[in-house]
N, C-alpha and C. Protein backbone atom coordinates (compact mmCIF):
# COMPACT_ATOMS: atom_id res chain seq x y z
N LEU A 1 -2.90 21.87 -12.18
CA LEU A 1 -2.22 20.58 -12.20
C LEU A 1 -1.39 20.36 -10.94
N SER A 2 -0.76 21.42 -10.45
CA SER A 2 0.03 21.27 -9.22
C SER A 2 -0.88 21.09 -8.01
N THR A 3 -2.08 21.67 -8.06
CA THR A 3 -3.02 21.48 -6.95
C THR A 3 -3.49 20.04 -6.88
N LEU A 4 -3.78 19.46 -8.03
CA LEU A 4 -4.20 18.05 -8.06
C LEU A 4 -3.07 17.13 -7.59
N SER A 5 -1.85 17.43 -7.99
CA SER A 5 -0.73 16.59 -7.54
C SER A 5 -0.53 16.73 -6.04
N ALA A 6 -0.73 17.93 -5.50
CA ALA A 6 -0.61 18.11 -4.04
C ALA A 6 -1.71 17.35 -3.31
N VAL A 7 -2.92 17.37 -3.85
CA VAL A 7 -4.03 16.63 -3.23
C VAL A 7 -3.74 15.13 -3.25
N LEU A 8 -3.22 14.63 -4.37
CA LEU A 8 -2.89 13.20 -4.45
C LEU A 8 -1.79 12.82 -3.46
N MET A 9 -0.78 13.67 -3.33
CA MET A 9 0.30 13.35 -2.39
C MET A 9 -0.15 13.44 -0.94
N ILE A 10 -1.01 14.39 -0.64
CA ILE A 10 -1.55 14.48 0.72
C ILE A 10 -2.43 13.27 1.03
N ALA A 11 -3.24 12.85 0.07
CA ALA A 11 -4.06 11.65 0.26
C ALA A 11 -3.19 10.42 0.44
N GLY A 12 -2.10 10.32 -0.32
CA GLY A 12 -1.17 9.20 -0.15
C GLY A 12 -0.51 9.19 1.22
N ALA A 13 -0.12 10.37 1.68
CA ALA A 13 0.47 10.48 3.02
C ALA A 13 -0.55 10.10 4.09
N PHE A 14 -1.82 10.47 3.88
CA PHE A 14 -2.87 10.09 4.82
C PHE A 14 -3.00 8.57 4.91
N PHE A 15 -2.99 7.88 3.77
CA PHE A 15 -3.11 6.42 3.81
C PHE A 15 -1.86 5.76 4.42
N PHE A 16 -0.68 6.32 4.18
CA PHE A 16 0.52 5.81 4.85
C PHE A 16 0.40 5.99 6.36
N PHE A 17 -0.10 7.15 6.78
CA PHE A 17 -0.24 7.43 8.21
C PHE A 17 -1.26 6.50 8.86
N THR A 18 -2.41 6.29 8.22
CA THR A 18 -3.41 5.40 8.79
C THR A 18 -2.94 3.95 8.80
N ALA A 19 -2.14 3.56 7.81
CA ALA A 19 -1.59 2.20 7.82
C ALA A 19 -0.62 2.02 8.97
N SER A 20 0.16 3.05 9.27
CA SER A 20 1.10 2.93 10.40
C SER A 20 0.35 2.90 11.73
N ILE A 21 -0.76 3.63 11.83
CA ILE A 21 -1.58 3.54 13.04
C ILE A 21 -2.17 2.13 13.16
N GLY A 22 -2.62 1.57 12.04
CA GLY A 22 -3.15 0.21 12.05
C GLY A 22 -2.10 -0.81 12.47
N MET A 23 -0.86 -0.60 12.05
CA MET A 23 0.21 -1.51 12.45
C MET A 23 0.45 -1.46 13.96
N LEU A 24 0.23 -0.32 14.55
CA LEU A 24 0.44 -0.19 16.00
C LEU A 24 -0.77 -0.64 16.81
N ARG A 25 -1.96 -0.43 16.29
CA ARG A 25 -3.17 -0.62 17.09
C ARG A 25 -3.83 -1.99 16.94
N PHE A 26 -3.68 -2.64 15.80
CA PHE A 26 -4.41 -3.89 15.58
C PHE A 26 -3.83 -5.02 16.43
N PRO A 27 -4.67 -6.01 16.80
CA PRO A 27 -4.26 -6.98 17.83
C PRO A 27 -3.36 -8.11 17.36
N ASP A 28 -3.39 -8.52 16.11
CA ASP A 28 -2.60 -9.68 15.73
C ASP A 28 -1.93 -9.48 14.38
N PHE A 29 -1.17 -10.48 13.99
CA PHE A 29 -0.38 -10.42 12.77
C PHE A 29 -1.25 -10.23 11.53
N TYR A 30 -2.35 -10.93 11.45
CA TYR A 30 -3.17 -10.91 10.24
C TYR A 30 -3.84 -9.56 10.01
N THR A 31 -4.37 -8.97 11.05
CA THR A 31 -4.99 -7.66 10.88
C THR A 31 -3.93 -6.58 10.62
N ARG A 32 -2.75 -6.75 11.17
CA ARG A 32 -1.67 -5.81 10.89
C ARG A 32 -1.20 -5.92 9.45
N MET A 33 -1.15 -7.13 8.94
CA MET A 33 -0.78 -7.31 7.53
C MET A 33 -1.84 -6.71 6.62
N HIS A 34 -3.09 -6.81 7.01
CA HIS A 34 -4.16 -6.22 6.22
C HIS A 34 -4.00 -4.70 6.17
N ALA A 35 -3.71 -4.09 7.31
CA ALA A 35 -3.52 -2.64 7.35
C ALA A 35 -2.30 -2.23 6.52
N ALA A 36 -1.24 -2.99 6.65
CA ALA A 36 -0.02 -2.65 5.90
C ALA A 36 -0.23 -2.83 4.40
N GLY A 37 -0.86 -3.91 4.02
CA GLY A 37 -1.07 -4.17 2.60
C GLY A 37 -1.97 -3.17 1.93
N LYS A 38 -3.10 -2.89 2.53
CA LYS A 38 -4.05 -1.95 1.93
C LYS A 38 -3.54 -0.52 1.96
N GLY A 39 -3.07 -0.09 3.13
CA GLY A 39 -2.65 1.30 3.27
C GLY A 39 -1.41 1.64 2.46
N ASP A 40 -0.43 0.76 2.47
CA ASP A 40 0.80 1.03 1.73
C ASP A 40 0.57 0.98 0.22
N THR A 41 -0.27 0.07 -0.23
CA THR A 41 -0.54 -0.02 -1.66
C THR A 41 -1.22 1.24 -2.17
N LEU A 42 -2.29 1.63 -1.51
CA LEU A 42 -3.01 2.82 -1.96
C LEU A 42 -2.19 4.09 -1.71
N GLY A 43 -1.48 4.15 -0.60
CA GLY A 43 -0.64 5.32 -0.32
C GLY A 43 0.46 5.49 -1.36
N ALA A 44 1.14 4.41 -1.70
CA ALA A 44 2.21 4.49 -2.71
C ALA A 44 1.64 4.85 -4.08
N PHE A 45 0.49 4.28 -4.43
CA PHE A 45 -0.11 4.58 -5.73
C PHE A 45 -0.49 6.06 -5.82
N LEU A 46 -1.09 6.60 -4.77
CA LEU A 46 -1.49 8.00 -4.78
C LEU A 46 -0.26 8.93 -4.78
N MET A 47 0.74 8.61 -3.98
CA MET A 47 1.94 9.45 -3.93
C MET A 47 2.66 9.45 -5.28
N LEU A 48 2.82 8.30 -5.88
CA LEU A 48 3.51 8.24 -7.16
C LEU A 48 2.69 8.89 -8.27
N SER A 49 1.37 8.79 -8.20
CA SER A 49 0.54 9.49 -9.18
C SER A 49 0.70 11.00 -9.04
N GLY A 50 0.74 11.47 -7.82
CA GLY A 50 0.97 12.90 -7.59
C GLY A 50 2.33 13.34 -8.09
N MET A 51 3.35 12.51 -7.90
CA MET A 51 4.68 12.86 -8.39
C MET A 51 4.73 12.88 -9.91
N ALA A 52 4.05 11.94 -10.55
CA ALA A 52 4.02 11.93 -12.01
C ALA A 52 3.34 13.18 -12.55
N LEU A 53 2.25 13.59 -11.92
CA LEU A 53 1.59 14.82 -12.35
C LEU A 53 2.45 16.05 -12.08
N TYR A 54 3.11 16.08 -10.94
CA TYR A 54 3.96 17.21 -10.61
C TYR A 54 5.13 17.33 -11.58
N ASN A 55 5.62 16.20 -12.04
CA ASN A 55 6.72 16.20 -13.01
C ASN A 55 6.29 16.86 -14.32
N LEU A 56 5.04 16.72 -14.68
CA LEU A 56 4.54 17.34 -15.91
C LEU A 56 4.22 18.82 -15.73
N ASN A 57 4.24 19.31 -14.50
CA ASN A 57 3.85 20.68 -14.21
C ASN A 57 4.84 21.71 -14.78
N ALA A 58 6.11 21.38 -14.83
CA ALA A 58 7.13 22.33 -15.29
C ALA A 58 7.02 22.60 -16.79
N GLY A 59 6.54 21.66 -17.51
CA GLY A 59 6.42 21.80 -18.96
C GLY A 59 6.20 20.45 -19.59
N PHE A 60 5.36 20.41 -20.59
CA PHE A 60 5.05 19.13 -21.22
C PHE A 60 6.05 18.86 -22.33
N THR A 61 7.16 18.24 -21.97
CA THR A 61 8.18 17.85 -22.94
C THR A 61 8.19 16.33 -23.04
N LEU A 62 8.87 15.83 -24.05
CA LEU A 62 8.96 14.38 -24.23
C LEU A 62 9.69 13.75 -23.05
N PHE A 63 10.74 14.39 -22.57
CA PHE A 63 11.49 13.86 -21.43
C PHE A 63 10.62 13.79 -20.18
N ALA A 64 9.89 14.86 -19.91
CA ALA A 64 9.02 14.87 -18.72
C ALA A 64 7.92 13.84 -18.86
N PHE A 65 7.37 13.67 -20.04
CA PHE A 65 6.33 12.67 -20.27
C PHE A 65 6.87 11.26 -20.03
N LEU A 66 8.08 10.97 -20.55
CA LEU A 66 8.65 9.63 -20.36
C LEU A 66 8.97 9.35 -18.90
N VAL A 67 9.44 10.36 -18.17
CA VAL A 67 9.70 10.17 -16.74
C VAL A 67 8.38 9.90 -16.01
N SER A 68 7.32 10.62 -16.36
CA SER A 68 6.02 10.40 -15.73
C SER A 68 5.47 9.01 -16.05
N VAL A 69 5.69 8.55 -17.27
CA VAL A 69 5.26 7.19 -17.63
C VAL A 69 6.02 6.16 -16.81
N LYS A 70 7.31 6.37 -16.62
CA LYS A 70 8.11 5.44 -15.80
C LYS A 70 7.63 5.43 -14.35
N ILE A 71 7.31 6.61 -13.82
CA ILE A 71 6.79 6.68 -12.45
C ILE A 71 5.47 5.92 -12.34
N MET A 72 4.60 6.07 -13.33
CA MET A 72 3.32 5.35 -13.30
C MET A 72 3.51 3.85 -13.48
N LEU A 73 4.51 3.43 -14.24
CA LEU A 73 4.80 1.99 -14.35
C LEU A 73 5.28 1.43 -13.01
N ILE A 74 6.06 2.21 -12.28
CA ILE A 74 6.46 1.80 -10.93
C ILE A 74 5.23 1.68 -10.03
N ALA A 75 4.31 2.63 -10.15
CA ALA A 75 3.08 2.61 -9.35
C ALA A 75 2.25 1.37 -9.67
N VAL A 76 2.14 1.03 -10.94
CA VAL A 76 1.37 -0.17 -11.33
C VAL A 76 2.05 -1.43 -10.81
N PHE A 77 3.38 -1.47 -10.86
CA PHE A 77 4.10 -2.63 -10.32
C PHE A 77 3.85 -2.78 -8.83
N ILE A 78 3.91 -1.68 -8.08
CA ILE A 78 3.63 -1.74 -6.64
C ILE A 78 2.19 -2.16 -6.39
N PHE A 79 1.28 -1.65 -7.22
CA PHE A 79 -0.14 -1.97 -7.07
C PHE A 79 -0.40 -3.47 -7.28
N ILE A 80 0.43 -4.13 -8.08
CA ILE A 80 0.29 -5.57 -8.30
C ILE A 80 1.11 -6.38 -7.29
N ALA A 81 2.34 -5.96 -7.04
CA ALA A 81 3.26 -6.76 -6.24
C ALA A 81 2.97 -6.71 -4.74
N ASN A 82 2.55 -5.57 -4.21
CA ASN A 82 2.36 -5.44 -2.78
C ASN A 82 1.25 -6.35 -2.24
N PRO A 83 0.06 -6.39 -2.84
CA PRO A 83 -0.95 -7.33 -2.33
C PRO A 83 -0.54 -8.80 -2.49
N THR A 84 0.19 -9.09 -3.56
CA THR A 84 0.67 -10.46 -3.76
C THR A 84 1.65 -10.86 -2.67
N ALA A 85 2.56 -9.96 -2.33
CA ALA A 85 3.53 -10.24 -1.28
C ALA A 85 2.85 -10.36 0.08
N CYS A 86 1.88 -9.50 0.35
CA CYS A 86 1.16 -9.59 1.63
C CYS A 86 0.41 -10.91 1.74
N HIS A 87 -0.18 -11.34 0.64
CA HIS A 87 -0.89 -12.63 0.65
C HIS A 87 0.09 -13.78 0.91
N ALA A 88 1.25 -13.75 0.26
CA ALA A 88 2.23 -14.81 0.45
C ALA A 88 2.75 -14.85 1.89
N ILE A 89 3.01 -13.69 2.48
CA ILE A 89 3.50 -13.63 3.86
C ILE A 89 2.42 -14.13 4.82
N THR A 90 1.18 -13.73 4.57
CA THR A 90 0.07 -14.16 5.43
C THR A 90 -0.15 -15.66 5.32
N LYS A 91 -0.07 -16.20 4.11
CA LYS A 91 -0.22 -17.65 3.92
C LYS A 91 0.91 -18.41 4.60
N ALA A 92 2.13 -17.87 4.53
CA ALA A 92 3.26 -18.52 5.21
C ALA A 92 3.06 -18.50 6.72
N ALA A 93 2.52 -17.41 7.26
CA ALA A 93 2.27 -17.35 8.70
C ALA A 93 1.20 -18.34 9.10
N LEU A 94 0.17 -18.47 8.29
CA LEU A 94 -0.89 -19.43 8.58
C LEU A 94 -0.35 -20.86 8.53
N ASP A 95 0.48 -21.15 7.53
CA ASP A 95 1.08 -22.48 7.42
C ASP A 95 2.06 -22.76 8.57
N ALA A 96 2.68 -21.71 9.10
CA ALA A 96 3.62 -21.88 10.21
C ALA A 96 2.91 -22.02 11.55
N GLY A 97 1.60 -21.80 11.56
CA GLY A 97 0.84 -22.01 12.79
C GLY A 97 0.58 -20.76 13.61
N VAL A 98 0.76 -19.60 13.03
CA VAL A 98 0.45 -18.37 13.75
C VAL A 98 -1.07 -18.27 13.87
N ALA A 99 -1.55 -18.26 15.10
CA ALA A 99 -2.99 -18.28 15.34
C ALA A 99 -3.59 -16.89 15.21
N PRO A 100 -4.74 -16.80 14.55
CA PRO A 100 -5.42 -15.50 14.48
C PRO A 100 -6.01 -15.12 15.83
N TRP A 101 -6.15 -13.82 16.04
CA TRP A 101 -6.75 -13.30 17.26
C TRP A 101 -8.25 -13.50 17.20
N THR A 102 -8.82 -13.95 18.32
CA THR A 102 -10.28 -14.03 18.43
C THR A 102 -10.70 -13.32 19.70
N LYS A 103 -11.91 -12.83 19.69
CA LYS A 103 -12.40 -12.06 20.82
C LYS A 103 -12.54 -12.91 22.08
N ASP A 104 -12.96 -14.16 21.89
CA ASP A 104 -13.18 -15.03 23.05
C ASP A 104 -12.01 -15.96 23.32
N LYS A 105 -10.88 -15.70 22.69
CA LYS A 105 -9.63 -16.46 22.91
C LYS A 105 -9.74 -17.94 22.53
N THR A 106 -10.61 -18.27 21.56
CA THR A 106 -10.68 -19.65 21.11
C THR A 106 -9.55 -19.91 20.12
N VAL A 107 -9.13 -21.15 20.03
CA VAL A 107 -8.05 -21.54 19.14
C VAL A 107 -8.62 -21.81 17.77
N VAL A 108 -8.01 -21.20 16.76
CA VAL A 108 -8.43 -21.40 15.38
C VAL A 108 -7.33 -22.15 14.69
N SER A 109 -7.65 -23.29 14.08
CA SER A 109 -6.64 -24.06 13.35
C SER A 109 -6.79 -23.81 11.87
N SER A 110 -5.72 -24.05 11.14
CA SER A 110 -5.77 -23.83 9.68
C SER A 110 -6.56 -24.96 9.04
N GLN A 111 -7.35 -24.60 8.05
CA GLN A 111 -8.18 -25.55 7.32
C GLN A 111 -7.43 -26.00 6.08
N GLU A 112 -7.04 -27.25 6.02
CA GLU A 112 -6.30 -27.78 4.85
C GLU A 112 -7.23 -28.54 3.97
């Protein structure tokens, strides 16, 4: 059980790391938001899942089970709220006129 929790936490750290690389390397706001939204959501879900499993490793008591359930409820909330927030921020940027990056530097306008 502790090995599985370690694998989940390492996988979560990997997705956090790749999301931070995406934030530094991608060319514009929209692709950076995509990297942040996807990487942080999956990274947080995997890390919290690993923590919930690790919490049960010491002994399966009612208290440990309830703490693990609370950790998983936090993970589900992040799994729902983070993509919604990224979509809202991206839509606000599009409405504010932030132009997406294009390879040939053409201007892209928002379609209403």
